[in-house]
N, C-alpha and C. Protein backbone atom coordinates (compact mmCIF):
# COMPACT_ATOMS: atom_id res chain seq x y z
N UNK A 1 -1.02 19.71 21.27
CA UNK A 1 -0.50 21.06 21.19
C UNK A 1 -1.67 22.03 21.33
N UNK A 2 -1.61 22.92 22.29
CA UNK A 2 -2.65 23.92 22.48
C UNK A 2 -2.05 25.30 22.38
N UNK A 3 -2.78 26.20 21.77
CA UNK A 3 -2.34 27.57 21.63
C UNK A 3 -3.52 28.49 21.92
N UNK A 4 -3.24 29.66 22.45
CA UNK A 4 -4.27 30.67 22.63
C UNK A 4 -4.27 31.54 21.39
N UNK A 5 -5.39 31.59 20.67
CA UNK A 5 -5.49 32.41 19.48
C UNK A 5 -5.75 33.86 19.88
N UNK A 6 -5.21 34.79 19.12
CA UNK A 6 -5.46 36.20 19.42
C UNK A 6 -6.00 36.91 18.19
N UNK A 7 -6.80 37.91 18.44
CA UNK A 7 -7.35 38.74 17.37
C UNK A 7 -6.89 40.15 17.64
N UNK A 8 -5.97 40.66 16.84
CA UNK A 8 -5.43 41.98 17.10
C UNK A 8 -4.67 41.99 18.40
N UNK A 9 -5.06 42.86 19.31
CA UNK A 9 -4.39 42.95 20.62
C UNK A 9 -5.14 42.19 21.69
N UNK A 10 -6.38 41.83 21.43
CA UNK A 10 -7.19 41.18 22.47
C UNK A 10 -7.23 39.68 22.28
N UNK A 11 -7.10 38.96 23.34
CA UNK A 11 -7.21 37.50 23.30
C UNK A 11 -8.68 37.12 23.16
N UNK A 12 -8.97 36.15 22.30
CA UNK A 12 -10.36 35.72 22.14
C UNK A 12 -10.68 34.51 23.01
N UNK A 13 -9.65 33.95 23.67
CA UNK A 13 -9.88 32.89 24.64
C UNK A 13 -10.29 31.56 24.06
N UNK A 14 -9.91 31.27 22.83
CA UNK A 14 -10.25 30.01 22.20
C UNK A 14 -9.00 29.14 22.17
N UNK A 15 -9.13 27.90 22.55
CA UNK A 15 -7.99 26.99 22.53
C UNK A 15 -8.05 26.15 21.26
N UNK A 16 -6.92 26.07 20.57
CA UNK A 16 -6.80 25.28 19.35
C UNK A 16 -5.97 24.05 19.68
N UNK A 17 -6.51 22.88 19.41
CA UNK A 17 -5.80 21.63 19.63
C UNK A 17 -5.72 20.88 18.32
N UNK A 18 -4.54 20.40 17.99
CA UNK A 18 -4.37 19.62 16.76
C UNK A 18 -4.23 18.15 17.11
N UNK A 19 -4.93 17.30 16.35
CA UNK A 19 -4.89 15.86 16.55
C UNK A 19 -4.76 15.20 15.19
N UNK A 20 -3.92 14.17 15.10
CA UNK A 20 -3.77 13.41 13.86
C UNK A 20 -4.46 12.07 14.05
N UNK A 21 -5.36 11.74 13.10
CA UNK A 21 -6.18 10.53 13.20
C UNK A 21 -6.22 9.85 11.84
N UNK A 22 -6.17 8.51 11.84
CA UNK A 22 -6.32 7.75 10.59
C UNK A 22 -7.78 7.79 10.14
N UNK A 23 -7.99 8.07 8.86
CA UNK A 23 -9.33 8.11 8.27
C UNK A 23 -9.36 7.15 7.09
N UNK A 24 -10.35 6.26 7.08
CA UNK A 24 -10.50 5.29 5.99
C UNK A 24 -11.84 5.53 5.31
N UNK A 25 -11.86 6.36 4.24
CA UNK A 25 -13.12 6.68 3.57
C UNK A 25 -13.75 5.44 2.94
N UNK A 26 -15.07 5.44 2.80
CA UNK A 26 -15.74 4.34 2.12
C UNK A 26 -15.53 4.44 0.61
N UNK A 27 -15.93 3.43 -0.10
CA UNK A 27 -15.95 3.48 -1.56
C UNK A 27 -17.05 4.45 -1.96
N UNK A 28 -16.71 5.44 -2.81
CA UNK A 28 -17.68 6.47 -3.19
C UNK A 28 -17.80 6.46 -4.72
N UNK A 29 -19.03 6.33 -5.20
CA UNK A 29 -19.25 6.28 -6.64
C UNK A 29 -19.10 7.67 -7.27
N UNK A 30 -19.05 7.69 -8.59
CA UNK A 30 -18.84 8.92 -9.35
C UNK A 30 -19.85 10.01 -8.99
N UNK A 31 -19.35 11.19 -8.73
CA UNK A 31 -20.14 12.39 -8.41
C UNK A 31 -21.11 12.18 -7.25
N UNK A 32 -20.71 11.35 -6.30
CA UNK A 32 -21.55 11.09 -5.13
C UNK A 32 -20.83 11.57 -3.87
N UNK A 33 -21.61 11.69 -2.80
CA UNK A 33 -21.07 12.03 -1.49
C UNK A 33 -20.95 10.77 -0.65
N UNK A 34 -19.93 10.71 0.18
CA UNK A 34 -19.78 9.62 1.13
C UNK A 34 -19.45 10.21 2.48
N UNK A 35 -19.82 9.50 3.54
CA UNK A 35 -19.50 9.97 4.88
C UNK A 35 -18.73 8.90 5.63
N UNK A 36 -17.94 9.36 6.57
CA UNK A 36 -17.18 8.45 7.43
C UNK A 36 -17.12 9.07 8.82
N UNK A 37 -17.45 8.26 9.82
CA UNK A 37 -17.37 8.70 11.22
C UNK A 37 -15.95 8.41 11.71
N UNK A 38 -15.34 9.42 12.32
CA UNK A 38 -13.96 9.33 12.77
C UNK A 38 -13.91 9.61 14.27
N UNK A 39 -13.18 8.80 15.01
CA UNK A 39 -13.00 9.04 16.43
C UNK A 39 -11.90 10.08 16.62
N UNK A 40 -12.29 11.22 17.19
CA UNK A 40 -11.35 12.31 17.47
C UNK A 40 -11.49 12.62 18.96
N UNK A 41 -10.57 12.14 19.78
CA UNK A 41 -10.70 12.32 21.23
C UNK A 41 -10.82 13.78 21.64
N UNK A 42 -11.77 14.03 22.53
CA UNK A 42 -11.92 15.34 23.13
C UNK A 42 -12.91 16.28 22.48
N UNK A 43 -13.43 15.94 21.29
CA UNK A 43 -14.39 16.85 20.66
C UNK A 43 -15.76 16.66 21.30
N UNK A 44 -16.51 17.75 21.37
CA UNK A 44 -17.88 17.70 21.86
C UNK A 44 -18.76 18.43 20.87
N UNK A 45 -20.03 18.07 20.85
CA UNK A 45 -20.98 18.71 19.94
C UNK A 45 -20.94 20.22 20.19
N UNK A 46 -20.84 20.97 19.11
CA UNK A 46 -20.73 22.42 19.21
C UNK A 46 -19.32 22.93 18.93
N UNK A 47 -18.32 22.04 19.02
CA UNK A 47 -16.96 22.44 18.69
C UNK A 47 -16.85 22.70 17.19
N UNK A 48 -15.99 23.62 16.83
CA UNK A 48 -15.63 23.86 15.44
C UNK A 48 -14.45 22.96 15.13
N UNK A 49 -14.53 22.20 14.05
CA UNK A 49 -13.47 21.29 13.66
C UNK A 49 -13.02 21.63 12.25
N UNK A 50 -11.73 21.73 12.06
CA UNK A 50 -11.15 21.94 10.74
C UNK A 50 -10.38 20.68 10.39
N UNK A 51 -10.81 19.97 9.34
CA UNK A 51 -10.16 18.73 8.93
C UNK A 51 -9.24 19.01 7.75
N UNK A 52 -7.99 18.61 7.88
CA UNK A 52 -7.02 18.79 6.80
C UNK A 52 -6.57 17.43 6.31
N UNK A 53 -6.86 17.11 5.03
CA UNK A 53 -6.45 15.82 4.51
C UNK A 53 -4.96 15.82 4.20
N UNK A 54 -4.38 14.62 4.07
CA UNK A 54 -2.96 14.55 3.69
C UNK A 54 -2.79 14.92 2.22
N UNK A 55 -1.58 15.28 1.85
CA UNK A 55 -1.28 15.63 0.46
C UNK A 55 -1.48 14.43 -0.47
N UNK A 56 -1.47 13.23 0.11
CA UNK A 56 -1.60 12.00 -0.69
C UNK A 56 -3.04 11.53 -0.83
N UNK A 57 -4.02 12.38 -0.48
CA UNK A 57 -5.42 12.01 -0.64
C UNK A 57 -5.68 11.68 -2.11
N UNK A 58 -6.46 10.63 -2.36
CA UNK A 58 -6.71 10.18 -3.72
C UNK A 58 -7.28 11.30 -4.58
N UNK A 59 -6.83 11.33 -5.84
CA UNK A 59 -7.33 12.31 -6.80
C UNK A 59 -8.84 12.14 -6.93
N UNK A 60 -9.54 13.25 -6.93
CA UNK A 60 -10.99 13.22 -7.08
C UNK A 60 -11.75 13.32 -5.78
N UNK A 61 -11.13 12.96 -4.65
CA UNK A 61 -11.83 13.08 -3.37
C UNK A 61 -11.70 14.51 -2.86
N UNK A 62 -12.84 15.12 -2.57
CA UNK A 62 -12.88 16.52 -2.13
C UNK A 62 -13.57 16.59 -0.77
N UNK A 63 -12.86 17.05 0.28
CA UNK A 63 -13.51 17.21 1.58
C UNK A 63 -14.59 18.29 1.49
N UNK A 64 -15.78 17.98 1.98
CA UNK A 64 -16.90 18.92 1.94
C UNK A 64 -17.17 19.50 3.33
N UNK A 65 -17.22 18.63 4.34
CA UNK A 65 -17.49 19.13 5.69
C UNK A 65 -16.92 18.19 6.75
N UNK A 66 -16.74 18.75 7.94
CA UNK A 66 -16.34 18.00 9.13
C UNK A 66 -17.20 18.52 10.27
N UNK A 67 -18.08 17.67 10.78
CA UNK A 67 -19.04 18.10 11.80
C UNK A 67 -18.96 17.16 13.00
N UNK A 68 -18.91 17.74 14.20
CA UNK A 68 -18.95 16.93 15.41
C UNK A 68 -20.38 16.45 15.59
N UNK A 69 -20.58 15.14 15.49
CA UNK A 69 -21.93 14.57 15.55
C UNK A 69 -22.23 13.88 16.87
N UNK A 70 -21.20 13.66 17.68
CA UNK A 70 -21.36 13.04 19.01
C UNK A 70 -20.05 13.28 19.75
N UNK A 71 -20.05 13.09 21.07
CA UNK A 71 -18.79 13.23 21.80
C UNK A 71 -17.72 12.31 21.20
N UNK A 72 -16.55 12.87 20.94
CA UNK A 72 -15.41 12.14 20.39
C UNK A 72 -15.61 11.65 18.96
N UNK A 73 -16.62 12.16 18.25
CA UNK A 73 -16.90 11.70 16.89
C UNK A 73 -17.08 12.87 15.93
N UNK A 74 -16.30 12.83 14.84
CA UNK A 74 -16.43 13.80 13.76
C UNK A 74 -16.88 13.03 12.52
N UNK A 75 -17.91 13.53 11.86
CA UNK A 75 -18.37 12.92 10.61
C UNK A 75 -17.87 13.77 9.46
N UNK A 76 -17.06 13.13 8.60
CA UNK A 76 -16.54 13.78 7.41
C UNK A 76 -17.45 13.47 6.23
N UNK A 77 -17.69 14.45 5.39
CA UNK A 77 -18.39 14.24 4.13
C UNK A 77 -17.40 14.53 3.02
N UNK A 78 -17.29 13.57 2.09
CA UNK A 78 -16.37 13.69 0.95
C UNK A 78 -17.15 13.57 -0.34
N UNK A 79 -16.72 14.32 -1.34
CA UNK A 79 -17.29 14.24 -2.68
C UNK A 79 -16.30 13.52 -3.58
N UNK A 80 -16.80 12.59 -4.39
CA UNK A 80 -15.98 11.97 -5.42
C UNK A 80 -16.24 12.73 -6.71
N UNK A 81 -15.29 13.57 -7.10
CA UNK A 81 -15.44 14.37 -8.31
C UNK A 81 -14.79 13.70 -9.52
N UNK A 82 -14.33 12.47 -9.33
CA UNK A 82 -13.65 11.74 -10.40
C UNK A 82 -14.66 10.97 -11.23
N UNK A 83 -14.27 10.55 -12.43
CA UNK A 83 -15.16 9.84 -13.34
C UNK A 83 -15.33 8.36 -13.05
N UNK A 84 -14.72 7.87 -11.96
CA UNK A 84 -14.85 6.47 -11.57
C UNK A 84 -15.02 6.39 -10.06
N UNK A 85 -15.43 5.22 -9.57
CA UNK A 85 -15.55 5.00 -8.14
C UNK A 85 -14.17 5.10 -7.49
N UNK A 86 -14.12 5.73 -6.31
CA UNK A 86 -12.87 5.86 -5.56
C UNK A 86 -13.06 5.21 -4.20
N UNK A 87 -12.16 4.29 -3.86
CA UNK A 87 -12.14 3.68 -2.53
C UNK A 87 -10.88 4.17 -1.85
N UNK A 88 -11.03 5.22 -1.05
CA UNK A 88 -9.88 5.86 -0.42
C UNK A 88 -9.15 4.95 0.55
N UNK A 89 -7.84 5.12 0.59
CA UNK A 89 -7.00 4.37 1.53
C UNK A 89 -7.08 5.00 2.92
N UNK A 90 -6.71 4.24 3.93
CA UNK A 90 -6.63 4.77 5.28
C UNK A 90 -5.40 5.67 5.36
N UNK A 91 -5.63 6.97 5.61
CA UNK A 91 -4.55 7.95 5.66
C UNK A 91 -4.72 8.83 6.90
N UNK A 92 -3.62 9.42 7.34
CA UNK A 92 -3.66 10.31 8.51
C UNK A 92 -4.11 11.71 8.12
N UNK A 93 -5.18 12.17 8.76
CA UNK A 93 -5.70 13.52 8.60
C UNK A 93 -5.37 14.30 9.86
N UNK A 94 -5.27 15.63 9.73
CA UNK A 94 -5.07 16.49 10.88
C UNK A 94 -6.38 17.20 11.19
N UNK A 95 -6.78 17.15 12.45
CA UNK A 95 -8.00 17.81 12.90
C UNK A 95 -7.62 18.92 13.87
N UNK A 96 -8.07 20.15 13.58
CA UNK A 96 -7.88 21.27 14.48
C UNK A 96 -9.20 21.48 15.21
N UNK A 97 -9.17 21.40 16.51
CA UNK A 97 -10.38 21.50 17.34
C UNK A 97 -10.42 22.87 17.99
N UNK A 98 -11.49 23.59 17.77
CA UNK A 98 -11.64 24.93 18.32
C UNK A 98 -12.87 24.91 19.22
N UNK A 99 -12.69 25.18 20.47
CA UNK A 99 -13.85 25.18 21.34
C UNK A 99 -13.52 25.50 22.76
């Protein structure tokens, strides 16, 4: 799905594409950060990516960042804010690609 975003009356010429991808976070210890590389077709370095986790994301896991680190690859950083280790399940996330 692609849409042309507008700002006021003028078009800014940015295309927004939404993609749903399965993400399987690693086991993350208490109050630690974990990263996971996710294949997101069509992203290129320099694209802005907005990652939206599912409502069923494990309690304590907090998305910190989503950065395009290589063509077709987004690296997610997650914080485990829970008092125990969390090993997140593979769940579908939505990625909005702006570029």
